[in-house]
Structure formats: C-alpha cells, structure tokens
Amino acid sequence: MQCFWEKVVKVESHWLWTGVTSSAGYGAIAVNRKRMMAHRFAYVTFVGPIPAGLELDHLCRVRNCVNPDHLEPVTHAENQRRMALARTHCPQGHEYNAANTYVRTNGSRQCRVCARERESARRRAA
C-alpha cells in the first residue's frame, strides 16, 4: 500500500497518479508482479470488487485520477456514451452545438459541417 501512496499526489479533489502510465494516460501499478490499472487498484482497495461485466468510468474525466469517489462501475456501452458526450468538438475541430450537431437514432452525434463537406466531396467525385 505504501508503494501506491508514493505515486499519488492529492490536488483539490483529484488523486493524481504520478507513476507509470499507459499510452492512453491511465496509471499502472504492479500488484504481485502483475500489471494492474491504478484506478482499478484504488477502487478495489477502498470500495470493493468491481461488479462482473462492468468497467470503471472516470466521472471527473481525468484519466490519471485514482480517487475512488471519482469512479463509477458502468457498462462498456454507458462508458462509451459518456465519453462521446464529454467531447465538445468533432475530430476536425467544429463545435458540437445545437446548430451544428445531428443526433442519430442510436444516440451518436454527427458534425453537420463535416457531413456537408463529405457530401460535397462525394458529389464532385461522382
């Protein structure tokens, strides 16, 4: 447990992991010589087991935060939906707002500017 706390810095309400991180920015810790995500270790240690079939969602959206109060077990689909809604701009940098966002029937969003540009390019190529 001391190894865990040596790699945590408490800032405001976040517990920021300062040790090794994955390429995606999540903390990693060795437990019994096996690699484990630091946020999962914190949750299991301070809250309890992660229910089967669920994964942890960082409610604070800070990937290296290991504060168990910022973690919630959810389905993969719910975690993906929340991540998508947290994005404020499309990959091309256009803002997701009421005028520029089309919401598909499956709940995903589409940038209207990008959709118009793709349609224009398709028509030019035809």
N, C-alpha and C. Protein backbone atom coordinates (compact mmCIF):
# COMPACT_ATOMS: atom_id res chain seq x y z
N MET A 1 0.82 -1.19 0.00
CA MET A 1 0.00 0.00 0.00
C MET A 1 0.87 1.26 0.00
N GLN A 2 2.01 1.18 0.66
CA GLN A 2 2.91 2.33 0.68
C GLN A 2 3.37 2.66 -0.73
N CYS A 3 3.59 1.64 -1.54
CA CYS A 3 4.01 1.83 -2.93
C CYS A 3 2.96 2.64 -3.70
N PHE A 4 1.68 2.39 -3.42
CA PHE A 4 0.60 3.12 -4.07
C PHE A 4 0.66 4.60 -3.69
N TRP A 5 0.69 4.89 -2.39
CA TRP A 5 0.65 6.28 -1.93
C TRP A 5 1.88 7.07 -2.33
N GLU A 6 3.01 6.40 -2.55
CA GLU A 6 4.23 7.09 -3.01
C GLU A 6 4.06 7.68 -4.40
N LYS A 7 3.09 7.17 -5.15
CA LYS A 7 2.89 7.61 -6.53
C LYS A 7 1.61 8.43 -6.71
N VAL A 8 1.01 8.89 -5.60
CA VAL A 8 -0.23 9.67 -5.65
C VAL A 8 0.02 11.06 -5.09
N VAL A 9 -0.46 12.06 -5.82
CA VAL A 9 -0.43 13.45 -5.35
C VAL A 9 -1.87 13.92 -5.28
N LYS A 10 -2.28 14.38 -4.11
CA LYS A 10 -3.65 14.87 -3.94
C LYS A 10 -3.69 16.35 -4.32
N VAL A 11 -4.52 16.67 -5.31
CA VAL A 11 -4.70 18.03 -5.79
C VAL A 11 -6.19 18.29 -5.84
N GLU A 12 -6.67 19.28 -5.08
CA GLU A 12 -8.10 19.54 -4.96
C GLU A 12 -8.79 18.22 -4.61
N SER A 13 -9.75 17.78 -5.41
CA SER A 13 -10.42 16.51 -5.08
C SER A 13 -9.80 15.33 -5.83
N HIS A 14 -8.85 15.58 -6.72
CA HIS A 14 -8.22 14.50 -7.50
C HIS A 14 -7.08 13.85 -6.73
N TRP A 15 -6.90 12.58 -6.96
CA TRP A 15 -5.72 11.85 -6.53
C TRP A 15 -4.97 11.51 -7.81
N LEU A 16 -3.97 12.29 -8.16
CA LEU A 16 -3.29 12.12 -9.44
C LEU A 16 -2.16 11.10 -9.34
N TRP A 17 -2.20 10.16 -10.26
CA TRP A 17 -1.17 9.12 -10.34
C TRP A 17 0.05 9.69 -11.01
N THR A 18 1.22 9.58 -10.35
CA THR A 18 2.46 10.12 -10.91
C THR A 18 3.41 9.02 -11.35
N GLY A 19 3.00 7.77 -11.18
CA GLY A 19 3.83 6.65 -11.60
C GLY A 19 3.68 6.37 -13.08
N VAL A 20 3.98 5.16 -13.45
CA VAL A 20 3.90 4.71 -14.85
C VAL A 20 2.47 4.86 -15.35
N THR A 21 2.33 5.31 -16.61
CA THR A 21 1.01 5.40 -17.23
C THR A 21 1.01 4.64 -18.55
N SER A 22 -0.17 4.23 -18.95
CA SER A 22 -0.34 3.57 -20.25
C SER A 22 -0.28 4.63 -21.34
N SER A 23 -0.25 4.19 -22.58
CA SER A 23 -0.22 5.14 -23.70
C SER A 23 -1.50 5.97 -23.74
N ALA A 24 -2.57 5.48 -23.12
CA ALA A 24 -3.83 6.22 -23.08
C ALA A 24 -3.90 7.18 -21.88
N GLY A 25 -2.89 7.14 -21.01
CA GLY A 25 -2.84 8.08 -19.90
C GLY A 25 -3.35 7.55 -18.57
N TYR A 26 -3.70 6.25 -18.51
CA TYR A 26 -4.17 5.66 -17.26
C TYR A 26 -2.98 5.15 -16.45
N GLY A 27 -3.04 5.34 -15.13
CA GLY A 27 -1.97 4.87 -14.26
C GLY A 27 -1.88 3.36 -14.23
N ALA A 28 -0.67 2.85 -14.01
CA ALA A 28 -0.45 1.41 -13.93
C ALA A 28 0.42 1.11 -12.72
N ILE A 29 0.12 0.01 -12.05
CA ILE A 29 0.85 -0.40 -10.86
C ILE A 29 1.09 -1.90 -10.93
N ALA A 30 2.20 -2.35 -10.36
CA ALA A 30 2.48 -3.79 -10.29
C ALA A 30 1.93 -4.32 -8.98
N VAL A 31 1.07 -5.33 -9.08
CA VAL A 31 0.50 -6.00 -7.92
C VAL A 31 0.81 -7.47 -8.05
N ASN A 32 1.59 -7.99 -7.10
CA ASN A 32 2.04 -9.39 -7.17
C ASN A 32 2.68 -9.70 -8.52
N ARG A 33 3.50 -8.77 -8.98
CA ARG A 33 4.25 -8.89 -10.24
C ARG A 33 3.37 -8.89 -11.48
N LYS A 34 2.12 -8.48 -11.33
CA LYS A 34 1.22 -8.36 -12.48
C LYS A 34 0.80 -6.91 -12.60
N ARG A 35 0.73 -6.44 -13.83
CA ARG A 35 0.34 -5.06 -14.08
C ARG A 35 -1.17 -4.90 -13.89
N MET A 36 -1.54 -3.83 -13.19
CA MET A 36 -2.95 -3.53 -12.94
C MET A 36 -3.14 -2.03 -13.12
N MET A 37 -4.27 -1.63 -13.64
CA MET A 37 -4.56 -0.20 -13.76
C MET A 37 -4.71 0.38 -12.35
N ALA A 38 -4.05 1.50 -12.10
CA ALA A 38 -4.01 2.09 -10.77
C ALA A 38 -5.40 2.49 -10.28
N HIS A 39 -6.26 2.97 -11.18
CA HIS A 39 -7.60 3.36 -10.74
C HIS A 39 -8.42 2.13 -10.32
N ARG A 40 -8.20 1.01 -10.99
CA ARG A 40 -8.89 -0.22 -10.61
C ARG A 40 -8.39 -0.71 -9.25
N PHE A 41 -7.08 -0.62 -9.03
CA PHE A 41 -6.50 -0.98 -7.74
C PHE A 41 -7.10 -0.13 -6.63
N ALA A 42 -7.19 1.18 -6.85
CA ALA A 42 -7.74 2.08 -5.84
C ALA A 42 -9.19 1.73 -5.54
N TYR A 43 -9.98 1.48 -6.57
CA TYR A 43 -11.40 1.18 -6.37
C TYR A 43 -11.56 -0.11 -5.56
N VAL A 44 -10.86 -1.16 -5.98
CA VAL A 44 -10.97 -2.45 -5.29
C VAL A 44 -10.48 -2.33 -3.85
N THR A 45 -9.43 -1.57 -3.63
CA THR A 45 -8.86 -1.42 -2.29
C THR A 45 -9.77 -0.62 -1.36
N PHE A 46 -10.32 0.47 -1.84
CA PHE A 46 -11.06 1.38 -0.96
C PHE A 46 -12.58 1.22 -1.01
N VAL A 47 -13.10 0.61 -2.07
CA VAL A 47 -14.56 0.46 -2.20
C VAL A 47 -14.96 -1.01 -2.16
N GLY A 48 -14.34 -1.82 -2.99
CA GLY A 48 -14.68 -3.24 -3.06
C GLY A 48 -14.58 -3.72 -4.48
N PRO A 49 -15.00 -4.96 -4.73
CA PRO A 49 -14.87 -5.53 -6.07
C PRO A 49 -15.68 -4.77 -7.11
N ILE A 50 -15.15 -4.77 -8.31
CA ILE A 50 -15.87 -4.18 -9.45
C ILE A 50 -16.87 -5.25 -9.91
N PRO A 51 -18.15 -4.92 -9.97
CA PRO A 51 -19.14 -5.93 -10.36
C PRO A 51 -18.82 -6.55 -11.73
N ALA A 52 -19.08 -7.83 -11.85
CA ALA A 52 -18.83 -8.55 -13.10
C ALA A 52 -19.55 -7.89 -14.26
N GLY A 53 -18.87 -7.76 -15.38
CA GLY A 53 -19.46 -7.18 -16.58
C GLY A 53 -19.42 -5.67 -16.63
N LEU A 54 -18.88 -5.03 -15.59
CA LEU A 54 -18.82 -3.57 -15.57
C LEU A 54 -17.37 -3.11 -15.61
N GLU A 55 -17.18 -1.86 -16.01
CA GLU A 55 -15.87 -1.23 -16.01
C GLU A 55 -16.00 0.11 -15.30
N LEU A 56 -14.87 0.69 -14.93
CA LEU A 56 -14.90 1.94 -14.18
C LEU A 56 -14.89 3.15 -15.11
N ASP A 57 -15.81 4.06 -14.85
CA ASP A 57 -15.89 5.32 -15.57
C ASP A 57 -15.30 6.40 -14.68
N HIS A 58 -14.37 7.18 -15.24
CA HIS A 58 -13.82 8.34 -14.53
C HIS A 58 -14.83 9.48 -14.64
N LEU A 59 -15.60 9.72 -13.61
CA LEU A 59 -16.60 10.78 -13.64
C LEU A 59 -15.96 12.15 -13.82
N CYS A 60 -14.73 12.30 -13.34
CA CYS A 60 -14.03 13.59 -13.43
C CYS A 60 -13.36 13.78 -14.79
N ARG A 61 -13.31 12.73 -15.60
CA ARG A 61 -12.70 12.75 -16.94
C ARG A 61 -11.18 12.95 -16.90
N VAL A 62 -10.55 12.75 -15.74
CA VAL A 62 -9.09 12.85 -15.61
C VAL A 62 -8.55 11.43 -15.54
N ARG A 63 -7.90 10.99 -16.60
CA ARG A 63 -7.52 9.58 -16.73
C ARG A 63 -6.53 9.11 -15.68
N ASN A 64 -5.66 9.98 -15.20
CA ASN A 64 -4.70 9.54 -14.19
C ASN A 64 -5.18 9.81 -12.77
N CYS A 65 -6.46 10.12 -12.60
CA CYS A 65 -7.05 10.29 -11.27
C CYS A 65 -7.41 8.91 -10.73
N VAL A 66 -6.99 8.63 -9.48
CA VAL A 66 -7.27 7.33 -8.87
C VAL A 66 -8.17 7.48 -7.64
N ASN A 67 -8.83 8.63 -7.49
CA ASN A 67 -9.73 8.84 -6.37
C ASN A 67 -10.97 7.96 -6.58
N PRO A 68 -11.23 7.00 -5.69
CA PRO A 68 -12.37 6.10 -5.89
C PRO A 68 -13.71 6.83 -5.89
N ASP A 69 -13.77 8.03 -5.29
CA ASP A 69 -15.02 8.80 -5.33
C ASP A 69 -15.31 9.32 -6.73
N HIS A 70 -14.31 9.31 -7.60
CA HIS A 70 -14.47 9.78 -8.97
C HIS A 70 -14.71 8.64 -9.94
N LEU A 71 -14.86 7.43 -9.44
CA LEU A 71 -15.00 6.24 -10.28
C LEU A 71 -16.37 5.61 -10.06
N GLU A 72 -16.98 5.19 -11.16
CA GLU A 72 -18.29 4.54 -11.06
C GLU A 72 -18.32 3.32 -11.97
N PRO A 73 -18.73 2.17 -11.45
CA PRO A 73 -18.86 0.99 -12.31
C PRO A 73 -20.05 1.15 -13.26
N VAL A 74 -19.80 1.00 -14.55
CA VAL A 74 -20.85 1.12 -15.57
C VAL A 74 -20.57 0.09 -16.67
N THR A 75 -21.55 -0.11 -17.54
CA THR A 75 -21.33 -0.99 -18.68
C THR A 75 -20.38 -0.32 -19.67
N HIS A 76 -19.82 -1.10 -20.54
CA HIS A 76 -18.92 -0.54 -21.56
C HIS A 76 -19.68 0.46 -22.44
N ALA A 77 -20.91 0.10 -22.81
CA ALA A 77 -21.71 0.98 -23.66
C ALA A 77 -21.96 2.32 -22.99
N GLU A 78 -22.27 2.30 -21.71
CA GLU A 78 -22.51 3.55 -20.98
C GLU A 78 -21.23 4.38 -20.87
N ASN A 79 -20.12 3.71 -20.65
CA ASN A 79 -18.83 4.42 -20.56
C ASN A 79 -18.52 5.10 -21.90
N GLN A 80 -18.75 4.40 -23.00
CA GLN A 80 -18.50 4.97 -24.32
C GLN A 80 -19.44 6.15 -24.60
N ARG A 81 -20.70 6.00 -24.22
CA ARG A 81 -21.68 7.07 -24.42
C ARG A 81 -21.27 8.33 -23.65
N ARG A 82 -20.85 8.15 -22.41
CA ARG A 82 -20.43 9.29 -21.59
C ARG A 82 -19.18 9.96 -22.17
N MET A 83 -18.24 9.16 -22.66
CA MET A 83 -17.03 9.74 -23.25
C MET A 83 -17.39 10.58 -24.48
N ALA A 84 -18.30 10.06 -25.30
CA ALA A 84 -18.70 10.78 -26.51
C ALA A 84 -19.38 12.10 -26.15
N LEU A 85 -20.24 12.07 -25.16
CA LEU A 85 -20.95 13.30 -24.76
C LEU A 85 -20.02 14.32 -24.13
N ALA A 86 -18.91 13.87 -23.57
CA ALA A 86 -17.96 14.79 -22.95
C ALA A 86 -17.16 15.57 -24.00
N ARG A 87 -17.13 15.07 -25.23
CA ARG A 87 -16.40 15.77 -26.30
C ARG A 87 -17.19 17.01 -26.71
N THR A 88 -16.51 18.13 -26.82
CA THR A 88 -17.16 19.38 -27.18
C THR A 88 -16.98 19.74 -28.65
N HIS A 89 -16.04 19.05 -29.33
CA HIS A 89 -15.76 19.34 -30.74
C HIS A 89 -15.58 18.04 -31.51
N CYS A 90 -15.90 18.07 -32.79
CA CYS A 90 -15.69 16.91 -33.64
C CYS A 90 -14.19 16.75 -33.89
N PRO A 91 -13.75 15.63 -34.48
CA PRO A 91 -12.32 15.44 -34.74
C PRO A 91 -11.69 16.53 -35.62
N GLN A 92 -12.51 17.22 -36.43
CA GLN A 92 -11.99 18.28 -37.29
C GLN A 92 -11.99 19.65 -36.59
N GLY A 93 -12.47 19.70 -35.35
CA GLY A 93 -12.43 20.92 -34.56
C GLY A 93 -13.69 21.76 -34.57
N HIS A 94 -14.75 21.29 -35.24
CA HIS A 94 -16.01 22.03 -35.25
C HIS A 94 -16.75 21.79 -33.93
N GLU A 95 -17.32 22.84 -33.37
CA GLU A 95 -18.01 22.73 -32.09
C GLU A 95 -19.31 21.92 -32.23
N TYR A 96 -19.53 21.05 -31.26
CA TYR A 96 -20.82 20.38 -31.16
C TYR A 96 -21.76 21.34 -30.44
N ASN A 97 -22.70 21.91 -31.17
CA ASN A 97 -23.72 22.76 -30.56
C ASN A 97 -25.04 22.45 -31.25
N ALA A 98 -26.11 23.09 -30.82
CA ALA A 98 -27.45 22.77 -31.36
C ALA A 98 -27.52 22.96 -32.87
N ALA A 99 -26.88 23.99 -33.40
CA ALA A 99 -26.97 24.28 -34.83
C ALA A 99 -26.08 23.35 -35.66
N ASN A 100 -25.02 22.81 -35.08
CA ASN A 100 -24.05 22.06 -35.86
C ASN A 100 -24.04 20.57 -35.53
N THR A 101 -25.00 20.09 -34.78
CA THR A 101 -24.94 18.69 -34.36
C THR A 101 -26.21 17.96 -34.76
N TYR A 102 -26.00 16.84 -35.45
CA TYR A 102 -27.10 15.94 -35.78
C TYR A 102 -26.98 14.74 -34.84
N VAL A 103 -28.04 14.42 -34.13
CA VAL A 103 -28.04 13.26 -33.24
C VAL A 103 -28.73 12.11 -33.95
N ARG A 104 -27.99 11.04 -34.16
CA ARG A 104 -28.52 9.86 -34.85
C ARG A 104 -29.47 9.11 -33.92
N THR A 105 -30.23 8.20 -34.50
CA THR A 105 -31.20 7.44 -33.72
C THR A 105 -30.52 6.57 -32.66
N ASN A 106 -29.24 6.20 -32.86
CA ASN A 106 -28.54 5.38 -31.86
C ASN A 106 -27.91 6.24 -30.77
N GLY A 107 -28.12 7.57 -30.84
CA GLY A 107 -27.60 8.48 -29.81
C GLY A 107 -26.26 9.09 -30.13
N SER A 108 -25.57 8.60 -31.16
CA SER A 108 -24.28 9.18 -31.51
C SER A 108 -24.49 10.52 -32.21
N ARG A 109 -23.46 11.34 -32.20
CA ARG A 109 -23.56 12.67 -32.80
C ARG A 109 -22.75 12.76 -34.08
N GLN A 110 -23.21 13.61 -34.98
CA GLN A 110 -22.51 13.86 -36.23
C GLN A 110 -22.41 15.36 -36.44
N CYS A 111 -21.23 15.81 -36.82
CA CYS A 111 -21.00 17.23 -37.11
C CYS A 111 -21.63 17.55 -38.47
N ARG A 112 -22.52 18.53 -38.51
CA ARG A 112 -23.19 18.90 -39.75
C ARG A 112 -22.22 19.50 -40.78
N VAL A 113 -21.23 20.30 -40.33
CA VAL A 113 -20.26 20.89 -41.25
C VAL A 113 -19.48 19.77 -41.95
N CYS A 114 -19.00 18.80 -41.18
CA CYS A 114 -18.25 17.69 -41.77
C CYS A 114 -19.13 16.86 -42.70
N ALA A 115 -20.38 16.64 -42.33
CA ALA A 115 -21.30 15.87 -43.18
C ALA A 115 -21.51 16.59 -44.51
N ARG A 116 -21.67 17.92 -44.48
CA ARG A 116 -21.83 18.69 -45.73
C ARG A 116 -20.57 18.60 -46.58
N GLU A 117 -19.41 18.69 -45.95
CA GLU A 117 -18.14 18.62 -46.69
C GLU A 117 -17.97 17.24 -47.32
N ARG A 118 -18.31 16.18 -46.61
CA ARG A 118 -18.22 14.82 -47.18
C ARG A 118 -19.17 14.66 -48.34
N GLU A 119 -20.39 15.19 -48.20
CA GLU A 119 -21.38 15.08 -49.28
C GLU A 119 -20.92 15.86 -50.51
N SER A 120 -20.35 17.05 -50.31
CA SER A 120 -19.84 17.84 -51.44
C SER A 120 -18.71 17.11 -52.15
N ALA A 121 -17.80 16.52 -51.39
CA ALA A 121 -16.68 15.78 -51.98
C ALA A 121 -17.19 14.56 -52.75
N ARG A 122 -18.21 13.89 -52.20
CA ARG A 122 -18.78 12.71 -52.87
C ARG A 122 -19.40 13.11 -54.20
N ARG A 123 -20.12 14.25 -54.22
CA ARG A 123 -20.76 14.71 -55.46
C ARG A 123 -19.72 15.12 -56.49
N ARG A 124 -18.64 15.76 -56.06
CA ARG A 124 -17.58 16.16 -57.00
C ARG A 124 -16.91 14.94 -57.63
N ALA A 125 -16.76 13.88 -56.84
CA ALA A 125 -16.09 12.67 -57.32
C ALA A 125 -16.99 11.85 -58.24
N ALA A 126 -18.29 12.05 -58.16
CA ALA A 126 -19.22 11.23 -58.96
C ALA A 126 -19.30 11.67 -60.40
